[in-house]
């Protein structure tokens, strides 16, 4: 775990500067969205690329993939983790009150990610001993990261759809846009769902201090995690 995180330090530095630019971009985008009812295309492209970069680094940090993430904002079609988003109309009233509307989803996302990292050493030891991440833990980790990204996408005005499906998708749920994703529909076992509850509890107990990685559906966005260390 420590070595994995040390290897990702350069990405953390890049993400820090990208996040500063993303904040300024989102601020400009908020005013633009209030007027236009959508994000201007250049702003949308940058914020989507930034979140895709964060998805790749986050998946690597959470032991979901073995491959080292590329230093690039472009979408790598060969990468096991992909974040995809389509430009769409935004409700101006929802944009105006986004900072209030985001609070419930932000709390869930923050607790889940913080809880994962609070117990991160345990997940590392399990994966090290078995040589792979158990299926239930892999599914729960994918679900936590996916919900975090959906929350971020909603906050950054990339989608009008409120974050949902924290406990995975319902059987039979399909999305033609996501037909190439191994993680959609994301069907979680009972064990994976209980692990998500454990993440939340650990996040509460840890007081949000256990997270070392944090920075989103009208089927407009998705975090896709395919084969990797946890498969």
Protein backbone atom coordinates (compact mmCIF):
# COMPACT_ATOMS: atom_id res chain seq x y z
CA UNK A 1 0.00 0.00 0.00
CA UNK A 2 2.77 2.42 1.00
CA UNK A 3 4.77 1.70 -2.14
CA UNK A 4 1.63 2.08 -4.28
CA UNK A 5 0.91 5.47 -2.73
CA UNK A 6 4.53 6.60 -3.08
CA UNK A 7 4.44 5.72 -6.77
CA UNK A 8 1.29 7.82 -7.12
CA UNK A 9 2.80 10.93 -5.51
CA UNK A 10 3.63 12.49 -8.93
CA UNK A 11 -0.01 12.02 -9.92
CA UNK A 12 -1.12 13.60 -6.65
CA UNK A 13 0.97 16.66 -7.47
CA UNK A 14 -0.48 16.86 -10.98
CA UNK A 15 -4.01 16.41 -9.59
CA UNK A 16 -3.43 19.23 -7.12
CA UNK A 17 -2.69 21.73 -9.88
CA UNK A 18 -5.42 20.32 -12.08
CA UNK A 19 -7.87 20.69 -9.20
CA UNK A 20 -6.98 24.36 -8.82
CA UNK A 21 -7.74 24.89 -12.50
CA UNK A 22 -10.90 22.78 -12.12
CA UNK A 23 -12.10 24.99 -9.26
CA UNK A 24 -11.67 28.16 -11.32
CA UNK A 25 -13.24 26.47 -14.35
CA UNK A 26 -16.22 25.30 -12.29
CA UNK A 27 -16.66 28.79 -10.83
CA UNK A 28 -16.79 30.34 -14.30
CA UNK A 29 -18.98 27.47 -15.44
CA UNK A 30 -21.48 28.11 -12.64
CA UNK A 31 -22.13 31.65 -13.83
CA UNK A 32 -22.22 30.50 -17.45
CA UNK A 33 -24.66 27.69 -16.64
CA UNK A 34 -26.99 30.13 -14.88
CA UNK A 35 -27.16 32.17 -18.08
CA UNK A 36 -26.96 29.47 -20.75
CA UNK A 37 -28.57 26.54 -18.96
CA UNK A 38 -25.51 24.41 -19.77
CA UNK A 39 -21.73 24.38 -19.46
CA UNK A 40 -19.84 25.91 -22.39
CA UNK A 41 -18.15 23.15 -24.38
CA UNK A 42 -14.50 24.07 -23.53
CA UNK A 43 -15.29 24.14 -19.81
CA UNK A 44 -17.18 20.87 -20.02
CA UNK A 45 -14.32 19.13 -21.83
CA UNK A 46 -11.73 20.19 -19.25
CA UNK A 47 -13.81 19.26 -16.20
CA UNK A 48 -14.72 15.88 -17.72
CA UNK A 49 -11.06 15.20 -18.54
CA UNK A 50 -10.02 16.21 -15.03
CA UNK A 51 -12.52 13.84 -13.45
CA UNK A 52 -11.43 11.04 -15.79
CA UNK A 53 -7.84 11.58 -14.62
CA UNK A 54 -9.00 11.47 -11.01
CA UNK A 55 -10.88 8.23 -11.71
CA UNK A 56 -7.76 6.53 -13.05
CA UNK A 57 -5.57 7.65 -10.14
CA UNK A 58 -8.25 6.77 -7.59
CA UNK A 59 -8.70 3.27 -8.98
CA UNK A 60 -4.96 2.67 -8.83
CA UNK A 61 -4.71 4.01 -5.28
CA UNK A 62 -7.59 1.77 -4.17
CA UNK A 63 -5.90 -1.35 -5.59
CA UNK A 64 -8.57 -1.84 -8.24
CA UNK A 65 -6.06 -1.96 -11.10
CA UNK A 66 -2.38 -2.87 -11.45
CA UNK A 67 -1.45 -0.71 -14.42
CA UNK A 68 0.17 2.64 -13.62
CA UNK A 69 -2.11 5.48 -14.72
CA UNK A 70 -0.90 7.61 -17.66
CA UNK A 71 -0.03 11.29 -17.27
CA UNK A 72 -2.68 12.44 -19.71
CA UNK A 73 -6.05 14.15 -19.74
CA UNK A 74 -7.22 12.27 -22.80
CA UNK A 75 -9.40 9.16 -22.51
CA UNK A 76 -7.37 5.97 -22.93
CA UNK A 77 -9.72 3.42 -24.48
CA UNK A 78 -7.40 0.62 -23.38
CA UNK A 79 -7.51 1.66 -19.72
CA UNK A 80 -9.60 -0.48 -17.38
CA UNK A 81 -11.19 2.57 -15.72
CA UNK A 82 -13.10 5.10 -17.76
CA UNK A 83 -15.22 8.10 -16.87
CA UNK A 84 -17.66 9.13 -19.56
CA UNK A 85 -20.05 12.04 -19.62
CA UNK A 86 -22.29 13.63 -22.22
CA UNK A 87 -23.07 17.37 -22.43
CA UNK A 88 -26.67 18.05 -21.54
CA UNK A 89 -29.05 20.81 -20.48
CA UNK A 90 -28.90 21.94 -16.85
CA UNK A 91 -31.76 23.16 -14.71
CA UNK A 92 -30.87 26.74 -13.78
CA UNK A 93 -32.63 26.54 -10.41
CA UNK A 94 -30.73 23.36 -9.52
CA UNK A 95 -27.50 25.07 -10.61
CA UNK A 96 -28.27 28.04 -8.37
CA UNK A 97 -28.77 25.85 -5.30
CA UNK A 98 -26.20 23.18 -6.19
CA UNK A 99 -24.13 23.92 -3.09
CA UNK A 100 -27.13 23.00 -0.90
CA UNK A 101 -28.43 20.09 -2.97
CA UNK A 102 -25.04 18.37 -2.99
CA UNK A 103 -24.80 18.08 0.82
CA UNK A 104 -26.50 14.64 1.36
CA UNK A 105 -24.57 12.97 -1.48
CA UNK A 106 -21.34 14.67 -0.40
CA UNK A 107 -21.74 13.32 3.15
CA UNK A 108 -22.29 9.75 1.91
CA UNK A 109 -19.42 9.98 -0.57
CA UNK A 110 -17.00 11.49 1.95
CA UNK A 111 -17.82 8.94 4.65
CA UNK A 112 -17.52 5.99 2.26
CA UNK A 113 -14.16 7.10 0.87
CA UNK A 114 -12.85 8.08 4.30
CA UNK A 115 -13.99 4.72 5.70
CA UNK A 116 -12.25 2.82 2.89
CA UNK A 117 -8.99 4.58 3.67
CA UNK A 118 -9.40 4.22 7.44
CA UNK A 119 -9.30 0.45 6.86
CA UNK A 120 -6.97 0.69 3.85
CA UNK A 121 -4.13 -1.21 5.55
CA UNK A 122 -6.47 -4.16 6.13
CA UNK A 123 -7.53 -4.19 2.46
CA UNK A 124 -3.86 -4.06 1.44
CA UNK A 125 -2.95 -7.01 3.68
CA UNK A 126 -5.87 -9.10 2.38
CA UNK A 127 -4.94 -8.35 -1.22
CA UNK A 128 -1.25 -9.02 -0.55
CA UNK A 129 -1.93 -12.41 1.07
CA UNK A 130 -4.45 -13.59 -1.53
CA UNK A 131 -2.70 -12.05 -4.52
CA UNK A 132 -5.99 -10.47 -5.53
CA UNK A 133 -8.80 -8.44 -4.04
CA UNK A 134 -11.79 -10.58 -2.97
CA UNK A 135 -14.86 -10.14 -5.14
CA UNK A 136 -17.03 -8.58 -2.43
CA UNK A 137 -14.33 -6.07 -1.49
CA UNK A 138 -13.66 -5.26 -5.13
CA UNK A 139 -17.33 -4.62 -5.81
CA UNK A 140 -17.73 -2.45 -2.72
CA UNK A 141 -14.61 -0.46 -3.60
CA UNK A 142 -15.82 0.09 -7.17
CA UNK A 143 -19.21 1.22 -5.85
CA UNK A 144 -17.63 3.69 -3.40
CA UNK A 145 -15.35 5.17 -6.06
CA UNK A 146 -18.16 5.30 -8.62
CA UNK A 147 -20.45 7.16 -6.21
CA UNK A 148 -17.64 9.57 -5.37
CA UNK A 149 -17.16 10.33 -9.06
CA UNK A 150 -20.89 10.77 -9.64
CA UNK A 151 -21.01 13.19 -6.73
CA UNK A 152 -18.04 15.09 -8.15
CA UNK A 153 -19.65 15.19 -11.61
CA UNK A 154 -22.86 16.61 -10.13
CA UNK A 155 -20.89 19.20 -8.15
CA UNK A 156 -18.88 20.23 -11.21
CA UNK A 157 -22.09 20.68 -13.25
CA UNK A 158 -21.21 17.88 -15.65
CA UNK A 159 -24.61 16.29 -15.13
CA UNK A 160 -28.06 17.34 -13.93
CA UNK A 161 -28.63 13.89 -12.44
CA UNK A 162 -28.35 13.53 -8.68
CA UNK A 163 -25.88 10.83 -7.51
CA UNK A 164 -27.62 7.54 -6.87
CA UNK A 165 -27.16 3.76 -6.72
CA UNK A 166 -24.62 3.78 -3.91
CA UNK A 167 -25.41 0.10 -3.30
CA UNK A 168 -25.03 -0.82 -6.95
CA UNK A 169 -27.49 -1.31 -9.79
CA UNK A 170 -30.66 -3.33 -9.83
CA UNK A 171 -30.64 -6.65 -11.71
CA UNK A 172 -31.62 -6.09 -15.32
CA UNK A 173 -30.55 -2.43 -15.33
CA UNK A 174 -28.91 -1.61 -18.63
CA UNK A 175 -27.61 1.45 -20.42
CA UNK A 176 -26.73 1.21 -24.13
CA UNK A 177 -24.05 3.86 -23.69
CA UNK A 178 -22.32 1.69 -21.08
CA UNK A 179 -22.61 -1.62 -22.90
CA UNK A 180 -18.81 -1.96 -23.08
CA UNK A 181 -18.36 -1.63 -19.32
CA UNK A 182 -17.55 -4.66 -17.19
CA UNK A 183 -18.89 -2.82 -14.15
CA UNK A 184 -22.31 -1.91 -15.57
CA UNK A 185 -24.66 -2.98 -14.41
CA UNK A 186 -22.77 -3.09 -11.11
CA UNK A 187 -24.46 -5.95 -9.26
CA UNK A 188 -23.19 -6.21 -5.71
CA UNK A 189 -23.33 -9.27 -3.51
CA UNK A 190 -24.78 -9.07 -0.01
CA UNK A 191 -21.24 -9.10 1.34
CA UNK A 192 -20.26 -6.14 -0.84
CA UNK A 193 -23.26 -4.16 0.39
CA UNK A 194 -22.35 -4.88 4.00
CA UNK A 195 -18.82 -3.74 3.26
CA UNK A 196 -20.21 -0.44 1.97
CA UNK A 197 -22.04 -0.08 5.28
CA UNK A 198 -18.73 -0.81 7.01
CA UNK A 199 -17.06 1.93 4.96
CA UNK A 200 -19.69 4.40 6.16
CA UNK A 201 -19.35 3.36 9.79
CA UNK A 202 -15.56 3.51 9.61
CA UNK A 203 -15.86 6.94 8.03
CA UNK A 204 -17.99 8.13 10.94
CA UNK A 205 -15.67 6.59 13.55
CA UNK A 206 -12.61 7.97 11.79
CA UNK A 207 -14.17 11.41 11.71
CA UNK A 208 -13.17 11.83 8.07
CA UNK A 209 -9.49 11.73 8.98
CA UNK A 210 -8.71 8.39 7.36
CA UNK A 211 -8.98 9.54 3.77
CA UNK A 212 -5.84 10.04 1.72
CA UNK A 213 -7.71 10.12 -1.56
CA UNK A 214 -10.77 12.28 -2.14
CA UNK A 215 -10.80 15.32 -4.37
CA UNK A 216 -21.36 11.16 -9.99
CA UNK A 217 -27.96 9.70 -13.57
CA UNK A 218 -30.04 10.29 -16.06
CA UNK A 219 -27.34 7.96 -17.30
CA UNK A 220 -25.12 10.88 -18.20
CA UNK A 221 -22.05 9.81 -16.31
CA UNK A 222 -20.32 6.68 -15.16
CA UNK A 223 -17.14 5.44 -13.58
CA UNK A 224 -16.23 2.19 -15.25
CA UNK A 225 -13.90 -0.24 -13.60
CA UNK A 226 -13.02 -3.37 -15.48
CA UNK A 227 -10.45 -6.08 -14.91
CA UNK A 228 -7.49 -5.35 -12.67
CA UNK A 229 -6.00 -6.23 -9.31
CA UNK A 230 -9.39 -6.87 -7.82
CA UNK A 231 -10.76 -9.20 -10.47
